[in-house]
Amino acid sequence: MILIEVTNVDELVRKNKGRVASVIGPWLTDVESEVEKVVIEQLKRAFAKDGVQANIVSIGGLKLRHLNFDNQE
């Protein structure tokens, strides 16, 4: 299983839709969901180009907890 977390959603919205959309967008729509749709479509196109067959699913409500184990002995 591969899990991809888009960590710069606000930056992507600002870049592609403008500053106003990045501020107002979260009040009007699920911005993360919209970014996920775009990423999924890009993955589908890239996979199809290389002949990769895969199921791509968006799972709502999953929150990741980041743990850093660097330099621990």
PDB file of N, CA and C in Angstrom:
ATOM      1  N   MET A   1       0.845  -1.176   0.000  1.00  0.00           N
ATOM      2  CA  MET A   1       0.000   0.000   0.000  1.00  0.00           C
ATOM      3  C   MET A   1       0.887   1.236   0.000  1.00  0.00           C
ATOM      4  N   ILE A   2       0.469   2.228  -0.730  1.00  0.00           N
ATOM      5  CA  ILE A   2       1.172   3.507  -0.784  1.00  0.00           C
ATOM      6  C   ILE A   2       0.207   4.579  -0.304  1.00  0.00           C
ATOM      7  N   LEU A   3       0.660   5.403   0.605  1.00  0.00           N
ATOM      8  CA  LEU A   3      -0.144   6.509   1.108  1.00  0.00           C
ATOM      9  C   LEU A   3       0.564   7.801   0.738  1.00  0.00           C
ATOM     10  N   ILE A   4      -0.142   8.691   0.085  1.00  0.00           N
ATOM     11  CA  ILE A   4       0.425   9.983  -0.306  1.00  0.00           C
ATOM     12  C   ILE A   4      -0.312  11.073   0.456  1.00  0.00           C
ATOM     13  N   GLU A   5       0.424  11.837   1.220  1.00  0.00           N
ATOM     14  CA  GLU A   5      -0.161  12.964   1.942  1.00  0.00           C
ATOM     15  C   GLU A   5       0.297  14.256   1.267  1.00  0.00           C
ATOM     16  N   VAL A   6      -0.640  15.009   0.743  1.00  0.00           N
ATOM     17  CA  VAL A   6      -0.306  16.298   0.145  1.00  0.00           C
ATOM     18  C   VAL A   6      -0.183  17.293   1.291  1.00  0.00           C
ATOM     19  N   THR A   7       1.012  17.827   1.478  1.00  0.00           N
ATOM     20  CA  THR A   7       1.271  18.664   2.645  1.00  0.00           C
ATOM     21  C   THR A   7       1.216  20.162   2.364  1.00  0.00           C
ATOM     22  N   ASN A   8       1.035  20.521   1.105  1.00  0.00           N
ATOM     23  CA  ASN A   8       1.003  21.949   0.770  1.00  0.00           C
ATOM     24  C   ASN A   8      -0.291  22.329   0.052  1.00  0.00           C
ATOM     25  N   VAL A   9      -1.407  21.877   0.584  1.00  0.00           N
ATOM     26  CA  VAL A   9      -2.716  22.128  -0.035  1.00  0.00           C
ATOM     27  C   VAL A   9      -2.958  23.624  -0.220  1.00  0.00           C
ATOM     28  N   ASP A  10      -2.713  24.407   0.816  1.00  0.00           N
ATOM     29  CA  ASP A  10      -2.968  25.851   0.736  1.00  0.00           C
ATOM     30  C   ASP A  10      -2.126  26.499  -0.362  1.00  0.00           C
ATOM     31  N   GLU A  11      -0.870  26.095  -0.453  1.00  0.00           N
ATOM     32  CA  GLU A  11       0.027  26.641  -1.474  1.00  0.00           C
ATOM     33  C   GLU A  11      -0.458  26.282  -2.884  1.00  0.00           C
ATOM     34  N   LEU A  12      -0.913  25.041  -3.064  1.00  0.00           N
ATOM     35  CA  LEU A  12      -1.407  24.618  -4.375  1.00  0.00           C
ATOM     36  C   LEU A  12      -2.655  25.387  -4.781  1.00  0.00           C
ATOM     37  N   VAL A  13      -3.559  25.589  -3.833  1.00  0.00           N
ATOM     38  CA  VAL A  13      -4.778  26.351  -4.136  1.00  0.00           C
ATOM     39  C   VAL A  13      -4.418  27.788  -4.490  1.00  0.00           C
ATOM     40  N   ARG A  14      -3.518  28.381  -3.710  1.00  0.00           N
ATOM     41  CA  ARG A  14      -3.098  29.761  -3.969  1.00  0.00           C
ATOM     42  C   ARG A  14      -2.439  29.870  -5.352  1.00  0.00           C
ATOM     43  N   LYS A  15      -1.604  28.886  -5.700  1.00  0.00           N
ATOM     44  CA  LYS A  15      -0.897  28.898  -6.980  1.00  0.00           C
ATOM     45  C   LYS A  15      -1.851  28.718  -8.163  1.00  0.00           C
ATOM     46  N   ASN A  16      -2.815  27.811  -8.027  1.00  0.00           N
ATOM     47  CA  ASN A  16      -3.688  27.464  -9.145  1.00  0.00           C
ATOM     48  C   ASN A  16      -4.993  28.248  -9.201  1.00  0.00           C
ATOM     49  N   LYS A  17      -5.468  28.720  -8.072  1.00  0.00           N
ATOM     50  CA  LYS A  17      -6.764  29.411  -8.038  1.00  0.00           C
ATOM     51  C   LYS A  17      -6.662  30.857  -7.578  1.00  0.00           C
ATOM     52  N   GLY A  18      -5.524  31.254  -7.013  1.00  0.00           N
ATOM     53  CA  GLY A  18      -5.335  32.620  -6.565  1.00  0.00           C
ATOM     54  C   GLY A  18      -5.460  32.768  -5.051  1.00  0.00           C
ATOM     55  N   ARG A  19      -4.978  33.897  -4.564  1.00  0.00           N
ATOM     56  CA  ARG A  19      -4.939  34.166  -3.122  1.00  0.00           C
ATOM     57  C   ARG A  19      -6.334  34.229  -2.511  1.00  0.00           C
ATOM     58  N   VAL A  20      -7.271  34.860  -3.203  1.00  0.00           N
ATOM     59  CA  VAL A  20      -8.632  34.995  -2.673  1.00  0.00           C
ATOM     60  C   VAL A  20      -9.261  33.618  -2.486  1.00  0.00           C
ATOM     61  N   ALA A  21      -9.108  32.739  -3.470  1.00  0.00           N
ATOM     62  CA  ALA A  21      -9.662  31.388  -3.378  1.00  0.00           C
ATOM     63  C   ALA A  21      -9.029  30.610  -2.235  1.00  0.00           C
ATOM     64  N   SER A  22      -7.744  30.850  -1.980  1.00  0.00           N
ATOM     65  CA  SER A  22      -7.076  30.125  -0.899  1.00  0.00           C
ATOM     66  C   SER A  22      -7.584  30.568   0.473  1.00  0.00           C
ATOM     67  N   VAL A  23      -8.069  31.802   0.554  1.00  0.00           N
ATOM     68  CA  VAL A  23      -8.602  32.302   1.826  1.00  0.00           C
ATOM     69  C   VAL A  23     -10.076  31.928   1.986  1.00  0.00           C
ATOM     70  N   ILE A  24     -10.849  32.120   0.927  1.00  0.00           N
ATOM     71  CA  ILE A  24     -12.290  31.890   0.985  1.00  0.00           C
ATOM     72  C   ILE A  24     -12.653  30.422   0.736  1.00  0.00           C
ATOM     73  N   GLY A  25     -11.850  29.750  -0.056  1.00  0.00           N
ATOM     74  CA  GLY A  25     -12.130  28.367  -0.451  1.00  0.00           C
ATOM     75  C   GLY A  25     -12.518  27.431   0.675  1.00  0.00           C
ATOM     76  N   PRO A  26     -11.750  27.387   1.759  1.00  0.00           N
ATOM     77  CA  PRO A  26     -12.083  26.459   2.847  1.00  0.00           C
ATOM     78  C   PRO A  26     -13.463  26.701   3.463  1.00  0.00           C
ATOM     79  N   TRP A  27     -13.993  27.895   3.328  1.00  0.00           N
ATOM     80  CA  TRP A  27     -15.330  28.191   3.860  1.00  0.00           C
ATOM     81  C   TRP A  27     -16.419  27.694   2.924  1.00  0.00           C
ATOM     82  N   LEU A  28     -16.095  27.583   1.627  1.00  0.00           N
ATOM     83  CA  LEU A  28     -17.097  27.245   0.630  1.00  0.00           C
ATOM     84  C   LEU A  28     -17.055  25.788   0.187  1.00  0.00           C
ATOM     85  N   THR A  29     -15.908  25.166   0.284  1.00  0.00           N
ATOM     86  CA  THR A  29     -15.762  23.803  -0.222  1.00  0.00           C
ATOM     87  C   THR A  29     -14.692  23.054   0.569  1.00  0.00           C
ATOM     88  N   ASP A  30     -14.626  21.767   0.365  1.00  0.00           N
ATOM     89  CA  ASP A  30     -13.591  20.941   0.982  1.00  0.00           C
ATOM     90  C   ASP A  30     -12.359  21.019   0.081  1.00  0.00           C
ATOM     91  N   VAL A  31     -11.468  21.951   0.380  1.00  0.00           N
ATOM     92  CA  VAL A  31     -10.308  22.222  -0.457  1.00  0.00           C
ATOM     93  C   VAL A  31      -9.411  20.991  -0.571  1.00  0.00           C
ATOM     94  N   GLU A  32      -9.195  20.301   0.527  1.00  0.00           N
ATOM     95  CA  GLU A  32      -8.342  19.107   0.493  1.00  0.00           C
ATOM     96  C   GLU A  32      -8.907  18.069  -0.464  1.00  0.00           C
ATOM     97  N   SER A  33     -10.204  17.894  -0.463  1.00  0.00           N
ATOM     98  CA  SER A  33     -10.851  16.938  -1.354  1.00  0.00           C
ATOM     99  C   SER A  33     -10.650  17.329  -2.817  1.00  0.00           C
ATOM    100  N   GLU A  34     -10.749  18.613  -3.106  1.00  0.00           N
ATOM    101  CA  GLU A  34     -10.547  19.086  -4.478  1.00  0.00           C
ATOM    102  C   GLU A  34      -9.113  18.838  -4.935  1.00  0.00           C
ATOM    103  N   VAL A  35      -8.146  19.080  -4.070  1.00  0.00           N
ATOM    104  CA  VAL A  35      -6.744  18.828  -4.414  1.00  0.00           C
ATOM    105  C   VAL A  35      -6.531  17.329  -4.618  1.00  0.00           C
ATOM    106  N   GLU A  36      -7.142  16.503  -3.767  1.00  0.00           N
ATOM    107  CA  GLU A  36      -7.034  15.048  -3.922  1.00  0.00           C
ATOM    108  C   GLU A  36      -7.537  14.605  -5.290  1.00  0.00           C
ATOM    109  N   LYS A  37      -8.655  15.158  -5.739  1.00  0.00           N
ATOM    110  CA  LYS A  37      -9.211  14.794  -7.050  1.00  0.00           C
ATOM    111  C   LYS A  37      -8.213  15.091  -8.169  1.00  0.00           C
ATOM    112  N   VAL A  38      -7.574  16.247  -8.094  1.00  0.00           N
ATOM    113  CA  VAL A  38      -6.596  16.629  -9.111  1.00  0.00           C
ATOM    114  C   VAL A  38      -5.405  15.685  -9.081  1.00  0.00           C
ATOM    115  N   VAL A  39      -4.905  15.377  -7.898  1.00  0.00           N
ATOM    116  CA  VAL A  39      -3.753  14.475  -7.764  1.00  0.00           C
ATOM    117  C   VAL A  39      -4.105  13.079  -8.279  1.00  0.00           C
ATOM    118  N   ILE A  40      -5.287  12.599  -7.956  1.00  0.00           N
ATOM    119  CA  ILE A  40      -5.718  11.272  -8.412  1.00  0.00           C
ATOM    120  C   ILE A  40      -5.783  11.229  -9.937  1.00  0.00           C
ATOM    121  N   GLU A  41      -6.320  12.268 -10.558  1.00  0.00           N
ATOM    122  CA  GLU A  41      -6.387  12.309 -12.021  1.00  0.00           C
ATOM    123  C   GLU A  41      -4.992  12.319 -12.637  1.00  0.00           C
ATOM    124  N   GLN A  42      -4.068  13.048 -12.021  1.00  0.00           N
ATOM    125  CA  GLN A  42      -2.692  13.071 -12.519  1.00  0.00           C
ATOM    126  C   GLN A  42      -2.046  11.693 -12.393  1.00  0.00           C
ATOM    127  N   LEU A  43      -2.281  11.013 -11.282  1.00  0.00           N
ATOM    128  CA  LEU A  43      -1.744   9.666 -11.092  1.00  0.00           C
ATOM    129  C   LEU A  43      -2.325   8.702 -12.115  1.00  0.00           C
ATOM    130  N   LYS A  44      -3.630   8.778 -12.346  1.00  0.00           N
ATOM    131  CA  LYS A  44      -4.273   7.897 -13.326  1.00  0.00           C
ATOM    132  C   LYS A  44      -3.656   8.067 -14.703  1.00  0.00           C
ATOM    133  N   ARG A  45      -3.456   9.317 -15.116  1.00  0.00           N
ATOM    134  CA  ARG A  45      -2.863   9.572 -16.434  1.00  0.00           C
ATOM    135  C   ARG A  45      -1.432   9.042 -16.511  1.00  0.00           C
ATOM    136  N   ALA A  46      -0.655   9.277 -15.469  1.00  0.00           N
ATOM    137  CA  ALA A  46       0.735   8.806 -15.466  1.00  0.00           C
ATOM    138  C   ALA A  46       0.791   7.285 -15.471  1.00  0.00           C
ATOM    139  N   PHE A  47      -0.056   6.648 -14.682  1.00  0.00           N
ATOM    140  CA  PHE A  47      -0.079   5.181 -14.642  1.00  0.00           C
ATOM    141  C   PHE A  47      -0.512   4.608 -15.990  1.00  0.00           C
ATOM    142  N   ALA A  48      -1.567   5.159 -16.580  1.00  0.00           N
ATOM    143  CA  ALA A  48      -2.073   4.660 -17.855  1.00  0.00           C
ATOM    144  C   ALA A  48      -1.005   4.781 -18.944  1.00  0.00           C
ATOM    145  N   LYS A  49      -0.264   5.858 -18.909  1.00  0.00           N
ATOM    146  CA  LYS A  49       0.797   6.088 -19.888  1.00  0.00           C
ATOM    147  C   LYS A  49       1.843   4.973 -19.834  1.00  0.00           C
ATOM    148  N   ASP A  50       2.118   4.480 -18.632  1.00  0.00           N
ATOM    149  CA  ASP A  50       3.126   3.429 -18.445  1.00  0.00           C
ATOM    150  C   ASP A  50       2.523   2.031 -18.372  1.00  0.00           C
ATOM    151  N   GLY A  51       1.205   1.929 -18.606  1.00  0.00           N
ATOM    152  CA  GLY A  51       0.555   0.624 -18.601  1.00  0.00           C
ATOM    153  C   GLY A  51       0.318   0.038 -17.223  1.00  0.00           C
ATOM    154  N   VAL A  52       0.408   0.849 -16.195  1.00  0.00           N
ATOM    155  CA  VAL A  52       0.173   0.381 -14.825  1.00  0.00           C
ATOM    156  C   VAL A  52      -1.320   0.352 -14.556  1.00  0.00           C
ATOM    157  N   GLN A  53      -1.809  -0.785 -14.063  1.00  0.00           N
ATOM    158  CA  GLN A  53      -3.209  -0.897 -13.667  1.00  0.00           C
ATOM    159  C   GLN A  53      -3.265  -0.834 -12.143  1.00  0.00           C
ATOM    160  N   ALA A  54      -4.042   0.101 -11.623  1.00  0.00           N
ATOM    161  CA  ALA A  54      -4.103   0.288 -10.170  1.00  0.00           C
ATOM    162  C   ALA A  54      -5.455   0.865  -9.781  1.00  0.00           C
ATOM    163  N   ASN A  55      -5.870   0.571  -8.562  1.00  0.00           N
ATOM    164  CA  ASN A  55      -7.045   1.214  -7.971  1.00  0.00           C
ATOM    165  C   ASN A  55      -6.542   2.371  -7.130  1.00  0.00           C
ATOM    166  N   ILE A  56      -7.075   3.540  -7.370  1.00  0.00           N
ATOM    167  CA  ILE A  56      -6.692   4.726  -6.602  1.00  0.00           C
ATOM    168  C   ILE A  56      -7.923   5.165  -5.826  1.00  0.00           C
ATOM    169  N   VAL A  57      -7.787   5.246  -4.513  1.00  0.00           N
ATOM    170  CA  VAL A  57      -8.931   5.537  -3.658  1.00  0.00           C
ATOM    171  C   VAL A  57      -8.604   6.708  -2.738  1.00  0.00           C
ATOM    172  N   SER A  58      -9.587   7.536  -2.508  1.00  0.00           N
ATOM    173  CA  SER A  58      -9.465   8.609  -1.533  1.00  0.00           C
ATOM    174  C   SER A  58     -10.236   8.196  -0.284  1.00  0.00           C
ATOM    175  N   ILE A  59      -9.571   8.225   0.852  1.00  0.00           N
ATOM    176  CA  ILE A  59     -10.185   7.802   2.105  1.00  0.00           C
ATOM    177  C   ILE A  59     -10.344   9.022   2.998  1.00  0.00           C
ATOM    178  N   GLY A  60     -11.570   9.372   3.308  1.00  0.00           N
ATOM    179  CA  GLY A  60     -11.832  10.531   4.155  1.00  0.00           C
ATOM    180  C   GLY A  60     -11.646  10.225   5.626  1.00  0.00           C
ATOM    181  N   GLY A  61     -11.272  11.243   6.353  1.00  0.00           N
ATOM    182  CA  GLY A  61     -11.196  11.132   7.799  1.00  0.00           C
ATOM    183  C   GLY A  61      -9.909  10.547   8.343  1.00  0.00           C
ATOM    184  N   LEU A  62      -8.964  10.211   7.488  1.00  0.00           N
ATOM    185  CA  LEU A  62      -7.710   9.634   7.941  1.00  0.00           C
ATOM    186  C   LEU A  62      -6.764  10.754   8.342  1.00  0.00           C
ATOM    187  N   LYS A  63      -6.326  10.750   9.556  1.00  0.00           N
ATOM    188  CA  LYS A  63      -5.370  11.745  10.036  1.00  0.00           C
ATOM    189  C   LYS A  63      -4.063  11.028  10.336  1.00  0.00           C
ATOM    190  N   LEU A  64      -2.983  11.594   9.864  1.00  0.00           N
ATOM    191  CA  LEU A  64      -1.674  10.992  10.064  1.00  0.00           C
ATOM    192  C   LEU A  64      -0.975  11.614  11.264  1.00  0.00           C
ATOM    193  N   ARG A  65      -0.261  10.785  11.948  1.00  0.00           N
ATOM    194  CA  ARG A  65       0.532  11.250  13.072  1.00  0.00           C
ATOM    195  C   ARG A  65       1.985  11.094  12.664  1.00  0.00           C
ATOM    196  N   HIS A  66       2.716  12.165  12.671  1.00  0.00           N
ATOM    197  CA  HIS A  66       4.114  12.135  12.240  1.00  0.00           C
ATOM    198  C   HIS A  66       5.021  11.918  13.440  1.00  0.00           C
ATOM    199  N   LEU A  67       5.843  10.910  13.340  1.00  0.00           N
ATOM    200  CA  LEU A  67       6.823  10.618  14.386  1.00  0.00           C
ATOM    201  C   LEU A  67       8.209  10.764  13.782  1.00  0.00           C
ATOM    202  N   ASN A  68       9.102  11.352  14.531  1.00  0.00           N
ATOM    203  CA  ASN A  68      10.459  11.544  14.049  1.00  0.00           C
ATOM    204  C   ASN A  68      11.391  10.721  14.925  1.00  0.00           C
ATOM    205  N   PHE A  69      12.061   9.759  14.319  1.00  0.00           N
ATOM    206  CA  PHE A  69      12.948   8.881  15.059  1.00  0.00           C
ATOM    207  C   PHE A  69      14.421   9.144  14.734  1.00  0.00           C
ATOM    208  N   ASP A  70      14.726  10.285  14.144  1.00  0.00           N
ATOM    209  CA  ASP A  70      16.108  10.611  13.783  1.00  0.00           C
ATOM    210  C   ASP A  70      16.976  10.749  15.024  1.00  0.00           C
ATOM    211  N   ASN A  71      18.167  10.237  14.900  1.00  0.00           N
ATOM    212  CA  ASN A  71      19.209  10.381  15.938  1.00  0.00           C
ATOM    213  C   ASN A  71      18.801   9.831  17.296  1.00  0.00           C
ATOM    214  N   GLN A  72      17.974   8.819  17.323  1.00  0.00           N
ATOM    215  CA  GLN A  72      17.626   8.180  18.588  1.00  0.00           C
ATOM    216  C   GLN A  72      18.322   6.838  18.648  1.00  0.00           C
ATOM    217  N   GLU A  73      19.052   6.614  19.700  1.00  0.00           N
ATOM    218  CA  GLU A  73      19.754   5.333  19.838  1.00  0.00           C
ATOM    219  C   GLU A  73      19.322   4.635  21.096  1.00  0.00           C
TER     220      GLU A  73
END
